[in-house]
């Protein structure tokens, strides 16, 4: 039976190593983001400010953020099937994700970008 505890300990150590390596790999991933806004409005300005702040605080030099005004470039919006603005699209790293509407919920954006683990049952540690 003690042998099984040792095996469990080794497995735990292996898992920790894998998690550490995955986190290190994550730090080198480049994010490709597109933020679609509708003209020069208060909501558009807030979305740009919030997403830029999230990127600067969490991704530093590891992101490419393209801001697209759907009124000035309607073909790009149509190509991405944008029907509501603001809309943020995470192209890379996969999986592709879309955030539609209010960009003020920082936690929701961070979770969606896989930069923060999802809180379960609303508990915060």
N, C-alpha and C. Protein backbone atom coordinates (compact mmCIF):
# COMPACT_ATOMS: atom_id res chain seq x y z
N UNK A 1 0.81 -1.21 0.00
CA UNK A 1 0.00 0.00 0.00
C UNK A 1 0.85 1.27 0.00
N UNK A 2 1.95 1.36 0.76
CA UNK A 2 2.79 2.55 0.68
C UNK A 2 3.30 2.80 -0.73
N UNK A 3 3.50 1.71 -1.48
CA UNK A 3 3.96 1.85 -2.85
C UNK A 3 2.96 2.67 -3.67
N UNK A 4 1.69 2.43 -3.44
CA UNK A 4 0.65 3.17 -4.16
C UNK A 4 0.71 4.66 -3.83
N UNK A 5 0.99 4.99 -2.56
CA UNK A 5 1.11 6.40 -2.19
C UNK A 5 2.27 7.05 -2.94
N UNK A 6 3.39 6.33 -3.08
CA UNK A 6 4.52 6.86 -3.81
C UNK A 6 4.15 7.11 -5.27
N UNK A 7 3.43 6.16 -5.87
CA UNK A 7 3.00 6.33 -7.25
C UNK A 7 2.08 7.54 -7.39
N UNK A 8 1.19 7.71 -6.43
CA UNK A 8 0.29 8.86 -6.44
C UNK A 8 1.09 10.15 -6.33
N UNK A 9 2.10 10.15 -5.46
CA UNK A 9 2.94 11.33 -5.30
C UNK A 9 3.69 11.64 -6.59
N UNK A 10 4.23 10.61 -7.24
CA UNK A 10 4.94 10.82 -8.50
C UNK A 10 3.99 11.38 -9.56
N UNK A 11 2.80 10.87 -9.60
CA UNK A 11 1.82 11.34 -10.57
C UNK A 11 1.51 12.81 -10.32
N UNK A 12 1.36 13.16 -9.07
CA UNK A 12 1.09 14.53 -8.71
C UNK A 12 2.24 15.43 -9.13
N UNK A 13 3.45 14.97 -8.93
CA UNK A 13 4.64 15.73 -9.32
C UNK A 13 4.68 15.88 -10.84
N UNK A 14 4.35 14.83 -11.55
CA UNK A 14 4.32 14.88 -13.01
C UNK A 14 3.26 15.87 -13.48
N UNK A 15 2.10 15.83 -12.86
CA UNK A 15 1.04 16.76 -13.21
C UNK A 15 1.48 18.20 -12.97
N UNK A 16 2.16 18.44 -11.86
CA UNK A 16 2.65 19.79 -11.56
C UNK A 16 3.63 20.25 -12.62
N UNK A 17 4.52 19.36 -13.05
CA UNK A 17 5.49 19.70 -14.10
C UNK A 17 4.78 20.04 -15.41
N UNK A 18 3.78 19.25 -15.75
CA UNK A 18 3.03 19.50 -16.98
C UNK A 18 2.29 20.83 -16.92
N UNK A 19 1.70 21.12 -15.78
CA UNK A 19 0.99 22.39 -15.61
C UNK A 19 1.96 23.56 -15.72
N UNK A 20 3.13 23.41 -15.10
CA UNK A 20 4.14 24.47 -15.16
C UNK A 20 4.59 24.71 -16.60
N UNK A 21 4.84 23.63 -17.34
CA UNK A 21 5.26 23.76 -18.74
C UNK A 21 4.15 24.39 -19.58
N UNK A 22 2.92 24.02 -19.32
CA UNK A 22 1.79 24.59 -20.07
C UNK A 22 1.67 26.08 -19.81
N UNK A 23 1.86 26.50 -18.56
CA UNK A 23 1.80 27.93 -18.23
C UNK A 23 2.92 28.70 -18.91
N UNK A 24 4.11 28.11 -18.96
CA UNK A 24 5.23 28.76 -19.63
C UNK A 24 4.95 28.90 -21.12
N UNK A 25 4.38 27.86 -21.72
CA UNK A 25 4.03 27.92 -23.13
C UNK A 25 2.95 28.98 -23.37
N UNK A 26 2.00 29.09 -22.46
CA UNK A 26 0.94 30.09 -22.58
C UNK A 26 1.51 31.50 -22.60
N UNK A 27 2.58 31.73 -21.86
CA UNK A 27 3.16 33.06 -21.78
C UNK A 27 3.78 33.50 -23.10
N UNK A 28 4.04 32.56 -24.00
CA UNK A 28 4.63 32.92 -25.28
C UNK A 28 3.59 32.97 -26.41
N UNK A 29 2.34 32.59 -26.11
CA UNK A 29 1.30 32.60 -27.14
C UNK A 29 0.93 34.03 -27.51
N UNK A 30 0.78 34.27 -28.80
CA UNK A 30 0.36 35.57 -29.29
C UNK A 30 -1.16 35.54 -29.49
N UNK A 31 -1.82 36.58 -29.02
CA UNK A 31 -3.26 36.71 -29.16
C UNK A 31 -3.57 37.62 -30.34
N UNK A 32 -4.48 37.19 -31.19
CA UNK A 32 -4.95 38.00 -32.31
C UNK A 32 -6.42 38.31 -32.02
N UNK A 33 -6.68 39.60 -31.83
CA UNK A 33 -8.02 40.06 -31.43
C UNK A 33 -8.53 41.11 -32.41
N UNK A 34 -9.84 41.06 -32.66
CA UNK A 34 -10.48 42.08 -33.48
C UNK A 34 -11.66 42.64 -32.69
N UNK A 35 -11.66 43.95 -32.54
CA UNK A 35 -12.75 44.62 -31.82
C UNK A 35 -13.55 45.44 -32.83
N UNK A 36 -14.80 45.07 -33.00
CA UNK A 36 -15.70 45.77 -33.91
C UNK A 36 -16.52 46.76 -33.10
N UNK A 37 -16.49 48.03 -33.53
CA UNK A 37 -17.24 49.09 -32.86
C UNK A 37 -18.13 49.79 -33.88
N UNK A 38 -19.11 50.54 -33.39
CA UNK A 38 -20.06 51.24 -34.26
C UNK A 38 -19.86 52.74 -34.11
N UNK A 39 -18.96 53.30 -34.90
CA UNK A 39 -18.75 54.73 -34.90
C UNK A 39 -18.06 55.24 -33.64
N UNK A 40 -18.07 56.57 -33.52
CA UNK A 40 -17.44 57.22 -32.38
C UNK A 40 -18.54 57.51 -31.36
N UNK A 41 -18.77 56.54 -30.48
CA UNK A 41 -19.80 56.68 -29.46
C UNK A 41 -19.16 56.44 -28.09
N UNK A 42 -19.89 56.78 -27.06
CA UNK A 42 -19.41 56.53 -25.70
C UNK A 42 -19.18 55.04 -25.50
N UNK A 43 -20.12 54.22 -25.97
CA UNK A 43 -19.99 52.77 -25.80
C UNK A 43 -18.76 52.23 -26.55
N UNK A 44 -18.51 52.74 -27.75
CA UNK A 44 -17.34 52.32 -28.52
C UNK A 44 -16.05 52.73 -27.80
N UNK A 45 -16.02 53.95 -27.32
CA UNK A 45 -14.83 54.44 -26.60
C UNK A 45 -14.55 53.62 -25.36
N UNK A 46 -15.59 53.28 -24.62
CA UNK A 46 -15.42 52.45 -23.41
C UNK A 46 -14.90 51.06 -23.77
N UNK A 47 -15.47 50.49 -24.82
CA UNK A 47 -15.04 49.15 -25.25
C UNK A 47 -13.57 49.16 -25.64
N UNK A 48 -13.16 50.16 -26.41
CA UNK A 48 -11.76 50.28 -26.82
C UNK A 48 -10.86 50.43 -25.60
N UNK A 49 -11.25 51.31 -24.69
CA UNK A 49 -10.45 51.53 -23.48
C UNK A 49 -10.35 50.26 -22.64
N UNK A 50 -11.48 49.59 -22.40
CA UNK A 50 -11.49 48.39 -21.56
C UNK A 50 -10.67 47.25 -22.16
N UNK A 51 -10.84 47.00 -23.45
CA UNK A 51 -10.11 45.89 -24.08
C UNK A 51 -8.62 46.21 -24.16
N UNK A 52 -8.28 47.45 -24.48
CA UNK A 52 -6.86 47.84 -24.52
C UNK A 52 -6.23 47.68 -23.15
N UNK A 53 -6.94 48.09 -22.10
CA UNK A 53 -6.43 47.96 -20.74
C UNK A 53 -6.23 46.49 -20.36
N UNK A 54 -7.20 45.65 -20.67
CA UNK A 54 -7.09 44.21 -20.39
C UNK A 54 -5.87 43.64 -21.10
N UNK A 55 -5.69 43.99 -22.36
CA UNK A 55 -4.55 43.48 -23.13
C UNK A 55 -3.23 43.96 -22.55
N UNK A 56 -3.13 45.23 -22.22
CA UNK A 56 -1.88 45.78 -21.68
C UNK A 56 -1.53 45.16 -20.33
N UNK A 57 -2.53 44.96 -19.49
CA UNK A 57 -2.28 44.41 -18.16
C UNK A 57 -1.99 42.92 -18.16
N UNK A 58 -2.55 42.18 -19.11
CA UNK A 58 -2.46 40.73 -19.07
C UNK A 58 -1.66 40.09 -20.20
N UNK A 59 -1.50 40.81 -21.30
CA UNK A 59 -0.81 40.21 -22.45
C UNK A 59 0.47 40.94 -22.84
N UNK A 60 0.68 42.11 -22.29
CA UNK A 60 1.87 42.93 -22.58
C UNK A 60 2.11 43.00 -24.10
N UNK A 61 3.22 42.44 -24.57
CA UNK A 61 3.59 42.51 -25.99
C UNK A 61 3.15 41.27 -26.76
N UNK A 62 2.19 40.54 -26.22
CA UNK A 62 1.79 39.27 -26.84
C UNK A 62 0.43 39.36 -27.52
N UNK A 63 0.06 40.53 -27.98
CA UNK A 63 -1.25 40.64 -28.62
C UNK A 63 -1.22 41.58 -29.81
N UNK A 64 -2.13 41.31 -30.73
CA UNK A 64 -2.36 42.17 -31.88
C UNK A 64 -3.85 42.51 -31.85
N UNK A 65 -4.17 43.74 -31.54
CA UNK A 65 -5.56 44.19 -31.44
C UNK A 65 -5.88 45.09 -32.62
N UNK A 66 -6.83 44.67 -33.42
CA UNK A 66 -7.29 45.46 -34.55
C UNK A 66 -8.66 46.02 -34.20
N UNK A 67 -8.81 47.34 -34.31
CA UNK A 67 -10.09 47.99 -34.02
C UNK A 67 -10.74 48.37 -35.35
N UNK A 68 -11.96 47.89 -35.55
CA UNK A 68 -12.65 48.06 -36.83
C UNK A 68 -13.98 48.75 -36.59
N UNK A 69 -14.18 49.88 -37.27
CA UNK A 69 -15.46 50.60 -37.21
C UNK A 69 -16.36 50.01 -38.29
N UNK A 70 -17.47 49.42 -37.88
CA UNK A 70 -18.35 48.75 -38.84
C UNK A 70 -19.01 49.73 -39.82
N UNK A 71 -19.05 51.02 -39.48
CA UNK A 71 -19.59 52.01 -40.40
C UNK A 71 -18.58 52.35 -41.49
N UNK A 72 -17.31 52.34 -41.15
CA UNK A 72 -16.26 52.66 -42.12
C UNK A 72 -15.84 51.45 -42.94
N UNK A 73 -15.98 50.25 -42.35
CA UNK A 73 -15.58 49.04 -43.05
C UNK A 73 -16.67 47.97 -42.95
N UNK A 74 -17.82 48.23 -43.56
CA UNK A 74 -18.94 47.30 -43.43
C UNK A 74 -18.66 45.92 -44.03
N UNK A 75 -17.81 45.84 -45.03
CA UNK A 75 -17.49 44.54 -45.64
C UNK A 75 -16.80 43.62 -44.64
N UNK A 76 -15.91 44.17 -43.81
CA UNK A 76 -15.24 43.36 -42.80
C UNK A 76 -16.24 42.84 -41.77
N UNK A 77 -17.16 43.70 -41.38
CA UNK A 77 -18.18 43.29 -40.42
C UNK A 77 -19.08 42.21 -41.01
N UNK A 78 -19.44 42.37 -42.27
CA UNK A 78 -20.28 41.38 -42.93
C UNK A 78 -19.56 40.04 -43.04
N UNK A 79 -18.28 40.09 -43.37
CA UNK A 79 -17.48 38.87 -43.50
C UNK A 79 -17.38 38.08 -42.20
N UNK A 80 -17.41 38.78 -41.08
CA UNK A 80 -17.34 38.13 -39.75
C UNK A 80 -18.73 37.91 -39.16
N UNK A 81 -19.77 38.29 -39.92
CA UNK A 81 -21.16 38.16 -39.48
C UNK A 81 -21.41 38.93 -38.18
N UNK A 82 -20.91 40.16 -38.14
CA UNK A 82 -21.10 41.03 -36.98
C UNK A 82 -22.47 41.70 -37.11
N UNK A 83 -23.33 41.49 -36.13
CA UNK A 83 -24.65 42.11 -36.16
C UNK A 83 -24.86 43.05 -34.98
N UNK A 84 -23.96 42.99 -33.99
CA UNK A 84 -24.03 43.85 -32.81
C UNK A 84 -22.63 44.39 -32.54
N UNK A 85 -22.59 45.66 -32.15
CA UNK A 85 -21.30 46.24 -31.78
C UNK A 85 -21.46 46.88 -30.40
N UNK A 86 -20.45 46.79 -29.56
CA UNK A 86 -19.14 46.22 -29.86
C UNK A 86 -19.15 44.68 -29.81
N UNK A 87 -18.27 44.11 -30.62
CA UNK A 87 -18.01 42.67 -30.62
C UNK A 87 -16.51 42.46 -30.66
N UNK A 88 -16.02 41.63 -29.75
CA UNK A 88 -14.60 41.27 -29.72
C UNK A 88 -14.48 39.83 -30.20
N UNK A 89 -13.59 39.61 -31.15
CA UNK A 89 -13.32 38.25 -31.64
C UNK A 89 -11.89 37.88 -31.29
N UNK A 90 -11.74 36.75 -30.62
CA UNK A 90 -10.40 36.19 -30.36
C UNK A 90 -10.15 35.17 -31.46
N UNK A 91 -9.28 35.53 -32.41
CA UNK A 91 -8.94 34.65 -33.52
C UNK A 91 -7.93 33.59 -33.08
N UNK A 92 -6.91 34.04 -32.40
CA UNK A 92 -5.85 33.15 -31.90
C UNK A 92 -5.52 33.54 -30.48
N UNK A 93 -5.11 32.62 -29.66
CA UNK A 93 -5.03 31.18 -29.91
C UNK A 93 -6.43 30.57 -29.97
N UNK A 94 -6.50 29.46 -30.66
CA UNK A 94 -7.77 28.74 -30.75
C UNK A 94 -8.20 28.26 -29.38
N UNK A 95 -9.45 28.07 -29.10
CA UNK A 95 -10.58 28.19 -30.02
C UNK A 95 -10.99 29.64 -30.22
N UNK A 96 -11.57 29.90 -31.38
CA UNK A 96 -12.11 31.21 -31.68
C UNK A 96 -13.25 31.50 -30.70
N UNK A 97 -13.28 32.74 -30.21
CA UNK A 97 -14.36 33.13 -29.29
C UNK A 97 -14.86 34.52 -29.66
N UNK A 98 -16.15 34.74 -29.41
CA UNK A 98 -16.76 36.06 -29.65
C UNK A 98 -17.38 36.56 -28.36
N UNK A 99 -17.14 37.85 -28.09
CA UNK A 99 -17.74 38.54 -26.94
C UNK A 99 -18.61 39.64 -27.53
N UNK A 100 -19.87 39.63 -27.20
CA UNK A 100 -20.82 40.54 -27.83
C UNK A 100 -21.43 41.47 -26.79
N UNK A 101 -21.44 42.77 -27.11
CA UNK A 101 -22.09 43.74 -26.23
C UNK A 101 -21.12 44.43 -25.30
N UNK A 102 -21.55 44.62 -24.08
CA UNK A 102 -20.79 45.38 -23.09
C UNK A 102 -19.43 44.74 -22.81
N UNK A 103 -18.37 45.51 -22.93
CA UNK A 103 -17.02 45.01 -22.69
C UNK A 103 -16.50 45.42 -21.31
N UNK A 104 -17.41 45.79 -20.41
CA UNK A 104 -17.01 46.28 -19.09
C UNK A 104 -16.75 45.17 -18.09
N UNK A 105 -17.25 43.96 -18.34
CA UNK A 105 -17.07 42.86 -17.39
C UNK A 105 -15.70 42.23 -17.59
N UNK A 106 -14.72 42.78 -16.89
CA UNK A 106 -13.33 42.36 -17.06
C UNK A 106 -13.13 40.87 -16.77
N UNK A 107 -13.76 40.38 -15.71
CA UNK A 107 -13.60 38.97 -15.34
C UNK A 107 -14.11 38.05 -16.45
N UNK A 108 -15.25 38.39 -17.02
CA UNK A 108 -15.82 37.57 -18.10
C UNK A 108 -14.89 37.55 -19.31
N UNK A 109 -14.31 38.68 -19.64
CA UNK A 109 -13.39 38.76 -20.77
C UNK A 109 -12.13 37.94 -20.48
N UNK A 110 -11.58 38.09 -19.27
CA UNK A 110 -10.37 37.33 -18.91
C UNK A 110 -10.61 35.83 -18.96
N UNK A 111 -11.75 35.39 -18.46
CA UNK A 111 -12.09 33.95 -18.50
C UNK A 111 -12.23 33.51 -19.95
N UNK A 112 -12.92 34.30 -20.75
CA UNK A 112 -13.12 33.96 -22.16
C UNK A 112 -11.85 33.92 -22.97
N UNK A 113 -10.87 34.73 -22.57
CA UNK A 113 -9.57 34.73 -23.25
C UNK A 113 -8.63 33.68 -22.67
N UNK A 114 -9.12 32.90 -21.72
CA UNK A 114 -8.32 31.86 -21.04
C UNK A 114 -7.14 32.47 -20.28
N UNK A 115 -7.34 33.65 -19.73
CA UNK A 115 -6.30 34.32 -18.95
C UNK A 115 -6.57 34.20 -17.46
N UNK A 116 -7.74 33.69 -17.11
CA UNK A 116 -8.14 33.54 -15.72
C UNK A 116 -9.07 32.34 -15.63
N UNK A 117 -8.90 31.49 -14.62
CA UNK A 117 -9.80 30.34 -14.49
C UNK A 117 -11.21 30.79 -14.14
N UNK A 118 -12.17 30.01 -14.60
CA UNK A 118 -13.57 30.31 -14.32
C UNK A 118 -13.87 30.00 -12.85
N UNK A 119 -14.55 30.94 -12.19
CA UNK A 119 -14.97 30.73 -10.80
C UNK A 119 -16.12 29.75 -10.80
N UNK A 120 -16.05 28.75 -9.94
CA UNK A 120 -17.13 27.77 -9.86
C UNK A 120 -18.05 28.11 -8.70
N UNK A 121 -19.34 28.04 -8.95
CA UNK A 121 -20.38 28.30 -7.94
C UNK A 121 -20.29 29.69 -7.33
N UNK A 122 -19.66 30.62 -8.05
CA UNK A 122 -19.56 31.98 -7.55
C UNK A 122 -18.62 32.17 -6.39
N UNK A 123 -17.87 31.13 -6.02
CA UNK A 123 -16.92 31.25 -4.90
C UNK A 123 -15.64 31.89 -5.38
N UNK A 124 -15.17 32.86 -4.63
CA UNK A 124 -13.89 33.50 -4.94
C UNK A 124 -12.91 33.16 -3.86
N UNK A 125 -11.74 32.67 -4.26
CA UNK A 125 -10.70 32.30 -3.29
C UNK A 125 -9.68 33.39 -3.15
